C-alpha atoms as a PDB file:
ATOM      1  CA  MET A   1      -4.798   6.139  -5.491  1.00  0.00           C
ATOM      2  CA  VAL A   2      -6.278   4.156  -8.325  1.00  0.00           C
ATOM      3  CA  GLY A   3      -3.194   2.265  -9.052  1.00  0.00           C
ATOM      4  CA  SER A   4      -2.701   1.051  -5.431  1.00  0.00           C
ATOM      5  CA  ALA A   5      -6.284   0.018  -5.174  1.00  0.00           C
ATOM      6  CA  LEU A   6      -5.833  -2.040  -8.344  1.00  0.00           C
ATOM      7  CA  ILE A   7      -2.809  -3.710  -7.041  1.00  0.00           C
ATOM      8  CA  ARG A   8      -4.440  -4.550  -3.795  1.00  0.00           C
ATOM      9  CA  ARG A   9      -7.330  -6.109  -5.644  1.00  0.00           C
ATOM     10  CA  LEU A  10      -5.301  -8.010  -8.123  1.00  0.00           C
ATOM     11  CA  LYS A  11      -3.072  -9.477  -5.392  1.00  0.00           C
ATOM     12  CA  SER A  12      -6.109 -10.399  -3.378  1.00  0.00           C
ATOM     13  CA  GLU A  13      -7.401 -12.379  -6.408  1.00  0.00           C
ATOM     14  CA  GLY A  14      -4.253 -14.349  -6.818  1.00  0.00           C
ATOM     15  CA  PHE A  15      -2.656 -12.254  -9.564  1.00  0.00           C
ATOM     16  CA  ALA A  16       1.062 -12.505  -9.021  1.00  0.00           C
ATOM     17  CA  ASP A  17       2.841 -11.438 -12.362  1.00  0.00           C
ATOM     18  CA  LEU A  18       2.070  -7.807 -12.050  1.00  0.00           C
ATOM     19  CA  ILE A  19       4.331  -5.207 -13.769  1.00  0.00           C
ATOM     20  CA  VAL A  20       4.184  -1.966 -11.813  1.00  0.00           C
ATOM     21  CA  ARG A  21       6.071   1.242 -12.232  1.00  0.00           C
ATOM     22  CA  ASP A  22       5.597   4.539 -10.303  1.00  0.00           C
ATOM     23  CA  ARG A  23       6.168   8.041 -11.562  1.00  0.00           C
ATOM     24  CA  SER A  24       9.707   8.104 -10.006  1.00  0.00           C
ATOM     25  CA  GLU A  25      10.625   5.016 -12.079  1.00  0.00           C
ATOM     26  CA  LEU A  26       8.927   5.740 -15.387  1.00  0.00           C
ATOM     27  CA  ASP A  27       7.622   9.162 -16.719  1.00  0.00           C
ATOM     28  CA  LEU A  28       4.712   8.228 -18.922  1.00  0.00           C
ATOM     29  CA  ARG A  29       5.013  11.643 -20.718  1.00  0.00           C
ATOM     30  CA  GLU A  30       8.288  10.661 -22.152  1.00  0.00           C
ATOM     31  CA  GLU A  31       7.751   8.632 -25.342  1.00  0.00           C
ATOM     32  CA  PHE A  32      11.157   7.013 -25.491  1.00  0.00           C
ATOM     33  CA  ALA A  33      10.857   5.859 -21.839  1.00  0.00           C
ATOM     34  CA  VAL A  34       7.433   4.327 -22.469  1.00  0.00           C
ATOM     35  CA  THR A  35       8.570   2.579 -25.595  1.00  0.00           C
ATOM     36  CA  LYS A  36      11.474   1.125 -23.885  1.00  0.00           C
ATOM     37  CA  PHE A  37       9.451  -0.208 -21.070  1.00  0.00           C
ATOM     38  CA  PHE A  38       6.813  -1.815 -23.139  1.00  0.00           C
ATOM     39  CA  THR A  39       9.502  -3.333 -25.529  1.00  0.00           C
ATOM     40  CA  GLU A  40      11.239  -4.892 -22.523  1.00  0.00           C
ATOM     41  CA  GLU A  41       8.292  -5.933 -20.404  1.00  0.00           C
ATOM     42  CA  LYS A  42       5.744  -6.832 -23.056  1.00  0.00           C
ATOM     43  CA  PRO A  43       2.696  -6.763 -20.743  1.00  0.00           C
ATOM     44  CA  THR A  44      -0.281  -8.715 -22.079  1.00  0.00           C
ATOM     45  CA  VAL A  45      -3.048  -6.623 -20.193  1.00  0.00           C
ATOM     46  CA  VAL A  46      -2.668  -2.992 -19.593  1.00  0.00           C
ATOM     47  CA  ILE A  47      -4.714  -0.839 -17.141  1.00  0.00           C
ATOM     48  CA  LEU A  48      -4.075   2.873 -17.815  1.00  0.00           C
ATOM     49  CA  ALA A  49      -4.896   4.509 -14.576  1.00  0.00           C
ATOM     50  CA  ALA A  50      -2.263   7.210 -14.765  1.00  0.00           C
ATOM     51  CA  ALA A  51      -3.285  10.773 -15.198  1.00  0.00           C
ATOM     52  CA  LYS A  52      -2.686  14.381 -14.144  1.00  0.00           C
ATOM     53  CA  VAL A  53      -5.711  15.066 -11.969  1.00  0.00           C
ATOM     54  CA  GLY A  54      -6.994  17.686  -9.669  1.00  0.00           C
ATOM     55  CA  GLY A  55     -10.046  19.477  -8.193  1.00  0.00           C
ATOM     56  CA  ILE A  56     -11.741  22.585  -9.570  1.00  0.00           C
ATOM     57  CA  LYS A  57      -8.964  25.132  -8.583  1.00  0.00           C
ATOM     58  CA  ALA A  58      -6.126  22.993 -10.194  1.00  0.00           C
ATOM     59  CA  ASN A  59      -8.086  22.279 -13.253  1.00  0.00           C
ATOM     60  CA  ASN A  60      -9.060  25.922 -13.626  1.00  0.00           C
ATOM     61  CA  ASP A  61      -5.555  27.245 -12.968  1.00  0.00           C
ATOM     62  CA  PHE A  62      -3.409  24.965 -15.149  1.00  0.00           C
ATOM     63  CA  PRO A  63      -5.437  23.872 -18.335  1.00  0.00           C
ATOM     64  CA  VAL A  64      -2.177  23.692 -20.443  1.00  0.00           C
ATOM     65  CA  GLU A  65      -0.712  21.103 -18.066  1.00  0.00           C
ATOM     66  CA  PHE A  66      -3.966  19.238 -17.752  1.00  0.00           C
ATOM     67  CA  LEU A  67      -4.377  18.872 -21.540  1.00  0.00           C
ATOM     68  CA  LEU A  68      -0.813  18.259 -22.562  1.00  0.00           C
ATOM     69  CA  ASP A  69       0.288  15.969 -19.774  1.00  0.00           C
ATOM     70  CA  ASN A  70      -2.701  13.640 -20.255  1.00  0.00           C
ATOM     71  CA  LEU A  71      -2.531  13.623 -23.929  1.00  0.00           C
ATOM     72  CA  ARG A  72       1.068  12.614 -23.760  1.00  0.00           C
ATOM     73  CA  ILE A  73       0.490   9.915 -21.175  1.00  0.00           C
ATOM     74  CA  GLN A  74      -2.503   8.434 -23.164  1.00  0.00           C
ATOM     75  CA  ASN A  75      -0.802   8.698 -26.642  1.00  0.00           C
ATOM     76  CA  ASN A  76       2.439   7.001 -25.486  1.00  0.00           C
ATOM     77  CA  VAL A  77       0.932   4.134 -23.478  1.00  0.00           C
ATOM     78  CA  ILE A  78      -1.965   3.281 -25.829  1.00  0.00           C
ATOM     79  CA  HIS A  79       0.439   3.235 -28.906  1.00  0.00           C
ATOM     80  CA  ALA A  80       2.960   1.234 -27.102  1.00  0.00           C
ATOM     81  CA  ALA A  81       0.519  -1.284 -25.802  1.00  0.00           C
ATOM     82  CA  TYR A  82      -0.731  -1.926 -29.372  1.00  0.00           C
ATOM     83  CA  ALA A  83       2.763  -1.964 -30.978  1.00  0.00           C
ATOM     84  CA  ASN A  84       3.989  -4.538 -28.459  1.00  0.00           C
ATOM     85  CA  GLY A  85       1.077  -6.979 -28.645  1.00  0.00           C
ATOM     86  CA  ALA A  86      -1.038  -6.208 -25.605  1.00  0.00           C
ATOM     87  CA  ARG A  87      -4.122  -8.584 -25.678  1.00  0.00           C
ATOM     88  CA  LYS A  88      -6.240  -6.052 -23.802  1.00  0.00           C
ATOM     89  CA  LEU A  89      -6.094  -2.394 -22.554  1.00  0.00           C
ATOM     90  CA  LEU A  90      -8.459  -0.627 -20.115  1.00  0.00           C
ATOM     91  CA  PHE A  91      -8.414   3.040 -20.269  1.00  0.00           C
ATOM     92  CA  LEU A  92      -9.857   4.977 -17.287  1.00  0.00           C
ATOM     93  CA  GLY A  93     -11.404   8.193 -18.160  1.00  0.00           C
ATOM     94  CA  SER A  94     -13.579  10.414 -16.028  1.00  0.00           C
ATOM     95  CA  SER A  95     -17.242  11.533 -15.696  1.00  0.00           C
ATOM     96  CA  CYS A  96     -15.968  15.042 -16.531  1.00  0.00           C
ATOM     97  CA  ILE A  97     -16.114  13.938 -20.264  1.00  0.00           C
ATOM     98  CA  TYR A  98     -19.920  14.446 -20.160  1.00  0.00           C
ATOM     99  CA  PRO A  99     -21.780  17.727 -20.986  1.00  0.00           C
ATOM    100  CA  LYS A 100     -22.292  20.278 -18.241  1.00  0.00           C
ATOM    101  CA  PHE A 101     -26.045  20.025 -18.620  1.00  0.00           C
ATOM    102  CA  ALA A 102     -26.453  16.327 -19.575  1.00  0.00           C
ATOM    103  CA  SER A 103     -29.540  14.567 -18.596  1.00  0.00           C
ATOM    104  CA  GLN A 104     -29.461  12.770 -15.216  1.00  0.00           C
ATOM    105  CA  PRO A 105     -28.435  10.083 -14.556  1.00  0.00           C
ATOM    106  CA  ILE A 106     -25.927  10.377 -17.422  1.00  0.00           C
ATOM    107  CA  PRO A 107     -25.902   7.625 -19.968  1.00  0.00           C
ATOM    108  CA  GLU A 108     -22.837   6.837 -22.088  1.00  0.00           C
ATOM    109  CA  THR A 109     -24.592   8.102 -25.023  1.00  0.00           C
ATOM    110  CA  ALA A 110     -24.305  11.688 -23.703  1.00  0.00           C
ATOM    111  CA  LEU A 111     -20.660  11.825 -24.816  1.00  0.00           C
ATOM    112  CA  LEU A 112     -20.103  14.908 -27.247  1.00  0.00           C
ATOM    113  CA  SER A 113     -23.810  15.835 -27.082  1.00  0.00           C
ATOM    114  CA  GLY A 114     -23.219  19.274 -25.520  1.00  0.00           C
ATOM    115  CA  LEU A 115     -20.841  21.777 -24.071  1.00  0.00           C
ATOM    116  CA  LEU A 116     -18.318  20.831 -21.339  1.00  0.00           C
ATOM    117  CA  GLU A 117     -17.950  22.342 -17.927  1.00  0.00           C
ATOM    118  CA  PRO A 118     -15.453  25.275 -18.506  1.00  0.00           C
ATOM    119  CA  THR A 119     -13.538  24.775 -15.288  1.00  0.00           C
ATOM    120  CA  ASN A 120     -12.275  21.400 -16.309  1.00  0.00           C
ATOM    121  CA  GLU A 121     -12.650  21.509 -20.106  1.00  0.00           C
ATOM    122  CA  ALA A 122      -8.983  20.775 -20.812  1.00  0.00           C
ATOM    123  CA  TYR A 123      -8.942  17.658 -18.781  1.00  0.00           C
ATOM    124  CA  ALA A 124     -12.240  16.466 -20.293  1.00  0.00           C
ATOM    125  CA  VAL A 125     -10.963  17.076 -23.779  1.00  0.00           C
ATOM    126  CA  ALA A 126      -7.865  15.031 -22.944  1.00  0.00           C
ATOM    127  CA  LYS A 127      -9.932  12.124 -21.588  1.00  0.00           C
ATOM    128  CA  ILE A 128     -12.332  12.243 -24.617  1.00  0.00           C
ATOM    129  CA  THR A 129      -9.283  11.982 -27.012  1.00  0.00           C
ATOM    130  CA  GLY A 130      -8.085   9.011 -24.968  1.00  0.00           C
ATOM    131  CA  ILE A 131     -11.479   7.216 -25.534  1.00  0.00           C
ATOM    132  CA  LYS A 132     -11.426   8.080 -29.166  1.00  0.00           C
ATOM    133  CA  LEU A 133      -7.946   6.762 -29.593  1.00  0.00           C
ATOM    134  CA  CYS A 134      -8.891   3.470 -27.932  1.00  0.00           C
ATOM    135  CA  GLN A 135     -11.990   3.304 -30.264  1.00  0.00           C
ATOM    136  CA  ALA A 136      -9.866   4.054 -33.346  1.00  0.00           C
ATOM    137  CA  TYR A 137      -7.408   1.329 -32.517  1.00  0.00           C
ATOM    138  CA  ALA A 138     -10.355  -1.138 -32.092  1.00  0.00           C
ATOM    139  CA  ARG A 139     -12.011  -0.059 -35.325  1.00  0.00           C
ATOM    140  CA  GLU A 140      -8.740   0.061 -37.555  1.00  0.00           C
ATOM    141  CA  TYR A 141      -6.753  -2.651 -35.972  1.00  0.00           C
ATOM    142  CA  GLY A 142      -9.276  -4.868 -34.146  1.00  0.00           C
ATOM    143  CA  ALA A 143      -7.514  -4.066 -30.684  1.00  0.00           C
ATOM    144  CA  ASN A 144      -9.353  -5.055 -27.537  1.00  0.00           C
ATOM    145  CA  PHE A 145      -9.013  -1.551 -26.094  1.00  0.00           C
ATOM    146  CA  ILE A 146     -11.891  -0.638 -23.665  1.00  0.00           C
ATOM    147  CA  SER A 147     -12.729   2.644 -21.898  1.00  0.00           C
ATOM    148  CA  ALA A 148     -14.411   3.023 -18.489  1.00  0.00           C
ATOM    149  CA  MET A 149     -15.679   6.288 -17.023  1.00  0.00           C
ATOM    150  CA  PRO A 150     -15.541   6.220 -13.178  1.00  0.00           C
ATOM    151  CA  THR A 151     -17.562   8.687 -11.090  1.00  0.00           C
ATOM    152  CA  ASN A 152     -15.903  10.945  -8.487  1.00  0.00           C
ATOM    153  CA  LEU A 153     -13.393   8.737  -6.528  1.00  0.00           C
ATOM    154  CA  TYR A 154     -11.974   8.733  -2.995  1.00  0.00           C
ATOM    155  CA  GLY A 155     -10.169   6.471  -0.539  1.00  0.00           C
ATOM    156  CA  PRO A 156      -6.715   5.554   0.766  1.00  0.00           C
ATOM    157  CA  HIS A 157      -3.697   7.285  -1.041  1.00  0.00           C
ATOM    158  CA  ASP A 158      -5.956  10.116  -2.112  1.00  0.00           C
ATOM    159  CA  ASN A 159      -4.242  13.573  -2.715  1.00  0.00           C
ATOM    160  CA  PHE A 160      -4.797  15.788   0.441  1.00  0.00           C
ATOM    161  CA  ASP A 161      -2.965  18.905  -0.966  1.00  0.00           C
ATOM    162  CA  LEU A 162      -5.454  21.669  -0.740  1.00  0.00           C
ATOM    163  CA  GLU A 163      -4.174  23.175  -3.968  1.00  0.00           C
ATOM    164  CA  THR A 164      -4.837  20.235  -6.043  1.00  0.00           C
ATOM    165  CA  SER A 165      -7.119  17.901  -4.246  1.00  0.00           C
ATOM    166  CA  HIS A 166     -10.697  16.722  -5.008  1.00  0.00           C
ATOM    167  CA  VAL A 167     -13.610  17.573  -2.800  1.00  0.00           C
ATOM    168  CA  VAL A 168     -13.687  14.659  -0.319  1.00  0.00           C
ATOM    169  CA  ALA A 169      -9.998  14.837   0.396  1.00  0.00           C
ATOM    170  CA  ALA A 170      -9.980  18.547   0.690  1.00  0.00           C
ATOM    171  CA  LEU A 171     -12.881  18.654   3.045  1.00  0.00           C
ATOM    172  CA  LEU A 172     -11.425  15.856   5.176  1.00  0.00           C
ATOM    173  CA  ARG A 173      -8.269  17.869   5.641  1.00  0.00           C
ATOM    174  CA  LYS A 174      -9.855  21.125   6.111  1.00  0.00           C
ATOM    175  CA  ALA A 175     -12.244  19.796   8.767  1.00  0.00           C
ATOM    176  CA  HIS A 176      -9.489  17.926  10.495  1.00  0.00           C
ATOM    177  CA  GLU A 177      -7.125  21.028  10.674  1.00  0.00           C
ATOM    178  CA  ALA A 178     -10.263  23.245  11.762  1.00  0.00           C
ATOM    179  CA  LYS A 179     -10.810  20.747  14.559  1.00  0.00           C
ATOM    180  CA  THR A 180      -7.259  20.786  15.555  1.00  0.00           C
ATOM    181  CA  ARG A 181      -7.172  24.539  15.681  1.00  0.00           C
ATOM    182  CA  LYS A 182     -10.447  24.660  17.519  1.00  0.00           C
ATOM    183  CA  ASP A 183     -11.928  26.968  14.712  1.00  0.00           C
ATOM    184  CA  ARG A 184     -15.616  27.739  14.981  1.00  0.00           C
ATOM    185  CA  GLU A 185     -15.986  28.138  11.232  1.00  0.00           C
ATOM    186  CA  LEU A 186     -15.173  26.086   8.217  1.00  0.00           C
ATOM    187  CA  ILE A 187     -15.243  27.847   4.816  1.00  0.00           C
ATOM    188  CA  VAL A 188     -16.306  25.608   1.897  1.00  0.00           C
ATOM    189  CA  TRP A 189     -16.277  26.595  -1.891  1.00  0.00           C
ATOM    190  CA  GLY A 190     -19.428  27.344  -3.616  1.00  0.00           C
ATOM    191  CA  SER A 191     -23.147  27.176  -2.654  1.00  0.00           C
ATOM    192  CA  GLY A 192     -23.143  23.628  -1.403  1.00  0.00           C
ATOM    193  CA  LYS A 193     -26.079  22.948  -3.881  1.00  0.00           C
ATOM    194  CA  PRO A 194     -24.392  20.722  -6.564  1.00  0.00           C
ATOM    195  CA  ARG A 195     -24.898  17.179  -6.219  1.00  0.00           C
ATOM    196  CA  ARG A 196     -22.175  14.501  -6.767  1.00  0.00           C
ATOM    197  CA  GLU A 197     -21.833  10.775  -6.919  1.00  0.00           C
ATOM    198  CA  PHE A 198     -18.840   9.194  -4.891  1.00  0.00           C
ATOM    199  CA  LEU A 199     -17.365   5.757  -5.330  1.00  0.00           C
ATOM    200  CA  HIS A 200     -14.708   4.257  -2.982  1.00  0.00           C
ATOM    201  CA  VAL A 201     -11.466   3.404  -5.050  1.00  0.00           C
ATOM    202  CA  ASP A 202     -11.670  -0.251  -3.928  1.00  0.00           C
ATOM    203  CA  ASP A 203     -15.102  -0.564  -5.458  1.00  0.00           C
ATOM    204  CA  LEU A 204     -13.622   0.846  -8.663  1.00  0.00           C
ATOM    205  CA  ALA A 205     -10.789  -1.708  -8.614  1.00  0.00           C
ATOM    206  CA  SER A 206     -13.365  -4.495  -8.326  1.00  0.00           C
ATOM    207  CA  ALA A 207     -15.296  -3.232 -11.262  1.00  0.00           C
ATOM    208  CA  CYS A 208     -12.218  -2.868 -13.307  1.00  0.00           C
ATOM    209  CA  LEU A 209     -11.303  -6.553 -12.780  1.00  0.00           C
ATOM    210  CA  LEU A 210     -14.729  -7.555 -13.842  1.00  0.00           C
ATOM    211  CA  LEU A 211     -14.543  -5.432 -16.983  1.00  0.00           C
ATOM    212  CA  LEU A 212     -11.211  -7.107 -17.862  1.00  0.00           C
ATOM    213  CA  GLU A 213     -13.048 -10.463 -17.673  1.00  0.00           C
ATOM    214  CA  LYS A 214     -16.425  -9.695 -19.085  1.00  0.00           C
ATOM    215  CA  TYR A 215     -16.373  -6.575 -21.191  1.00  0.00           C
ATOM    216  CA  ASP A 216     -14.862  -6.412 -24.777  1.00  0.00           C
ATOM    217  CA  SER A 217     -16.742  -3.543 -26.426  1.00  0.00           C
ATOM    218  CA  SER A 218     -15.000  -0.391 -27.503  1.00  0.00           C
ATOM    219  CA  GLU A 219     -18.134   1.647 -26.386  1.00  0.00           C
ATOM    220  CA  VAL A 220     -17.728   3.677 -23.188  1.00  0.00           C
ATOM    221  CA  ILE A 221     -19.031   2.030 -19.982  1.00  0.00           C
ATOM    222  CA  ASN A 222     -19.840   4.035 -16.735  1.00  0.00           C
ATOM    223  CA  ILE A 223     -18.721   2.897 -13.316  1.00  0.00           C
ATOM    224  CA  GLY A 224     -20.578   4.527 -10.223  1.00  0.00           C
ATOM    225  CA  CYS A 225     -22.787   3.728  -7.398  1.00  0.00           C
ATOM    226  CA  GLY A 226     -26.045   5.174  -8.857  1.00  0.00           C
ATOM    227  CA  GLU A 227     -26.595   7.527  -5.933  1.00  0.00           C
ATOM    228  CA  ASP A 228     -25.613  11.125  -5.274  1.00  0.00           C
ATOM    229  CA  ILE A 229     -25.389  13.618  -2.523  1.00  0.00           C
ATOM    230  CA  SER A 230     -25.323  17.345  -2.260  1.00  0.00           C
ATOM    231  CA  ILE A 231     -21.920  19.066  -1.418  1.00  0.00           C
ATOM    232  CA  ARG A 232     -23.541  20.473   1.635  1.00  0.00           C
ATOM    233  CA  GLU A 233     -24.708  17.022   2.864  1.00  0.00           C
ATOM    234  CA  LEU A 234     -21.226  15.761   2.052  1.00  0.00           C
ATOM    235  CA  ALA A 235     -19.564  18.479   4.182  1.00  0.00           C
ATOM    236  CA  GLN A 236     -21.799  17.907   7.024  1.00  0.00           C
ATOM    237  CA  LEU A 237     -21.181  14.093   6.840  1.00  0.00           C
ATOM    238  CA  ILE A 238     -17.401  14.720   6.777  1.00  0.00           C
ATOM    239  CA  CYS A 239     -17.576  17.115   9.811  1.00  0.00           C
ATOM    240  CA  ASP A 240     -19.542  14.523  11.710  1.00  0.00           C
ATOM    241  CA  VAL A 241     -16.941  11.749  10.980  1.00  0.00           C
ATOM    242  CA  VAL A 242     -14.041  14.178  11.826  1.00  0.00           C
ATOM    243  CA  GLY A 243     -15.741  15.430  14.904  1.00  0.00           C
ATOM    244  CA  PHE A 244     -15.675  19.205  13.791  1.00  0.00           C
ATOM    245  CA  ASP A 245     -18.647  20.795  15.438  1.00  0.00           C
ATOM    246  CA  GLY A 246     -18.277  24.348  14.107  1.00  0.00           C
ATOM    247  CA  GLU A 247     -20.308  26.228  11.449  1.00  0.00           C
ATOM    248  CA  LEU A 248     -20.141  25.613   7.736  1.00  0.00           C
ATOM    249  CA  VAL A 249     -19.711  28.871   5.949  1.00  0.00           C
ATOM    250  CA  TRP A 250     -20.231  28.854   2.129  1.00  0.00           C
ATOM    251  CA  ASP A 251     -18.222  31.025  -0.239  1.00  0.00           C
ATOM    252  CA  PRO A 252     -20.433  31.772  -3.312  1.00  0.00           C
ATOM    253  CA  THR A 253     -17.566  33.691  -4.954  1.00  0.00           C
ATOM    254  CA  LYS A 254     -15.935  30.302  -5.735  1.00  0.00           C
ATOM    255  CA  PRO A 255     -17.296  28.133  -8.629  1.00  0.00           C
ATOM    256  CA  ASP A 256     -19.708  25.328  -8.040  1.00  0.00           C
ATOM    257  CA  GLY A 257     -18.893  23.352 -11.236  1.00  0.00           C
ATOM    258  CA  VAL A 258     -21.460  21.119 -12.921  1.00  0.00           C
ATOM    259  CA  PRO A 259     -24.901  21.472 -11.047  1.00  0.00           C
ATOM    260  CA  ARG A 260     -25.326  17.645 -10.970  1.00  0.00           C
ATOM    261  CA  LYS A 261     -23.316  14.671 -12.029  1.00  0.00           C
ATOM    262  CA  LEU A 262     -24.801  11.246 -11.599  1.00  0.00           C
ATOM    263  CA  LEU A 263     -23.962   8.297 -13.963  1.00  0.00           C
ATOM    264  CA  ASP A 264     -26.399   5.856 -15.394  1.00  0.00           C
ATOM    265  CA  VAL A 265     -24.813   2.674 -14.272  1.00  0.00           C
ATOM    266  CA  THR A 266     -27.243   0.295 -16.160  1.00  0.00           C
ATOM    267  CA  LYS A 267     -24.547  -1.186 -18.450  1.00  0.00           C
ATOM    268  CA  VAL A 268     -22.122  -2.236 -15.644  1.00  0.00           C
ATOM    269  CA  SER A 269     -24.862  -3.509 -13.285  1.00  0.00           C
ATOM    270  CA  ALA A 270     -26.114  -5.701 -16.183  1.00  0.00           C
ATOM    271  CA  LEU A 271     -22.656  -7.407 -16.054  1.00  0.00           C
ATOM    272  CA  GLY A 272     -23.308  -8.382 -12.302  1.00  0.00           C
ATOM    273  CA  TRP A 273     -21.263  -5.635 -10.653  1.00  0.00           C
ATOM    274  CA  ARG A 274     -22.393  -3.677  -7.581  1.00  0.00           C
ATOM    275  CA  PRO A 275     -20.381  -1.385  -5.158  1.00  0.00           C
ATOM    276  CA  SER A 276     -20.003  -2.758  -1.722  1.00  0.00           C
ATOM    277  CA  ILE A 277     -18.678   0.261   0.417  1.00  0.00           C
ATOM    278  CA  PRO A 278     -21.339   2.781   1.702  1.00  0.00           C
ATOM    279  CA  LEU A 279     -20.284   6.406   1.661  1.00  0.00           C
ATOM    280  CA  ARG A 280     -19.990   7.049   5.363  1.00  0.00           C
ATOM    281  CA  GLN A 281     -18.136   3.816   5.890  1.00  0.00           C
ATOM    282  CA  GLY A 282     -15.665   4.705   3.055  1.00  0.00           C
ATOM    283  CA  ILE A 283     -15.092   8.098   4.465  1.00  0.00           C
ATOM    284  CA  VAL A 284     -14.499   6.872   7.927  1.00  0.00           C
ATOM    285  CA  GLN A 285     -11.831   4.470   6.457  1.00  0.00           C
ATOM    286  CA  THR A 286     -10.410   7.320   4.406  1.00  0.00           C
ATOM    287  CA  TYR A 287     -10.178   9.514   7.422  1.00  0.00           C
ATOM    288  CA  ASN A 288      -8.334   6.902   9.418  1.00  0.00           C
ATOM    289  CA  TRP A 289      -5.825   6.341   6.595  1.00  0.00           C
ATOM    290  CA  PHE A 290      -5.349  10.243   6.509  1.00  0.00           C
ATOM    291  CA  LEU A 291      -4.622  10.248  10.284  1.00  0.00           C
ATOM    292  CA  LYS A 292      -2.091   7.526  10.073  1.00  0.00           C
ATOM    293  CA  ASN A 293      -0.197   8.642   6.763  1.00  0.00           C
ATOM    294  CA  VAL A 294      -0.837  12.280   6.303  1.00  0.00           C
ATOM    295  CA  ALA A 295      -2.012  14.194   9.564  1.00  0.00           C
ATOM    296  CA  ARG A 296       1.186  13.275  11.558  1.00  0.00           C
ATOM    297  CA  SER A 297       3.480  15.054   9.097  1.00  0.00           C
ATOM    298  CA  THR A 298       1.157  18.043   8.547  1.00  0.00           C
ATOM    299  CA  PRO A 299       1.581  21.150  10.617  1.00  0.00           C
ATOM    300  CA  ALA A 300      -1.416  22.475  12.547  1.00  0.00           C
END
């Protein structure tokens, strides 16, 4: 999702010399393969958007895979980028790095100031390690390696697998299938009370380009829209967009995750960046993409 948005944005800005590989061509968990790629291609600017990601269920069920896969990807790419003379590297982390009960909105200084959310602790630890590795290369070798922490993302090419998806994609698919089956109820995990911030992936891509041009500090920088919404409000909005008019039923036996997660975006705003896609507009666009690319091949 993030990689495709970055490519769209870079091409629209006139960047033509893009070196791209998907996971079928290059397994970033394999050190030899990554070393060979960097040795042959010698990219001057690297954006590390690849990661093993998922929602609460996937993170909670597979902590070993989330920790090891992400550590391997990060270690391989960051080391190979430096070893082959990359001029700049942008590492994309996650708002999951911050403590479960961080002050709101969450400033970058909250990193490592408290305990993490247990359901995604393995993923968060891996991302924190990636940040610290970039900072270590900057401090020891003077590498221009920067780290950005996006808030919750959604948009075209999202993962709509209900076993591993994040909340926007999962609710879109569940609401669509409930509508298709003419269900009268839609069961949603948790209480609906937690609040989350959502950023369209195309807005993230524009922020990344700006950071590559204007940001050279090894200190973490947040990327978000500065506004949040409750999961209950999000579910109601998605049902309205999809056209599902049944009842929302909340399952309190399932975890809520962090009570609130809203990023302080003062630093990125000071650079002149603002998101441009309102949440409803972005969800409509994402649902239309889902209808064209996923729903047709999904059994009712």
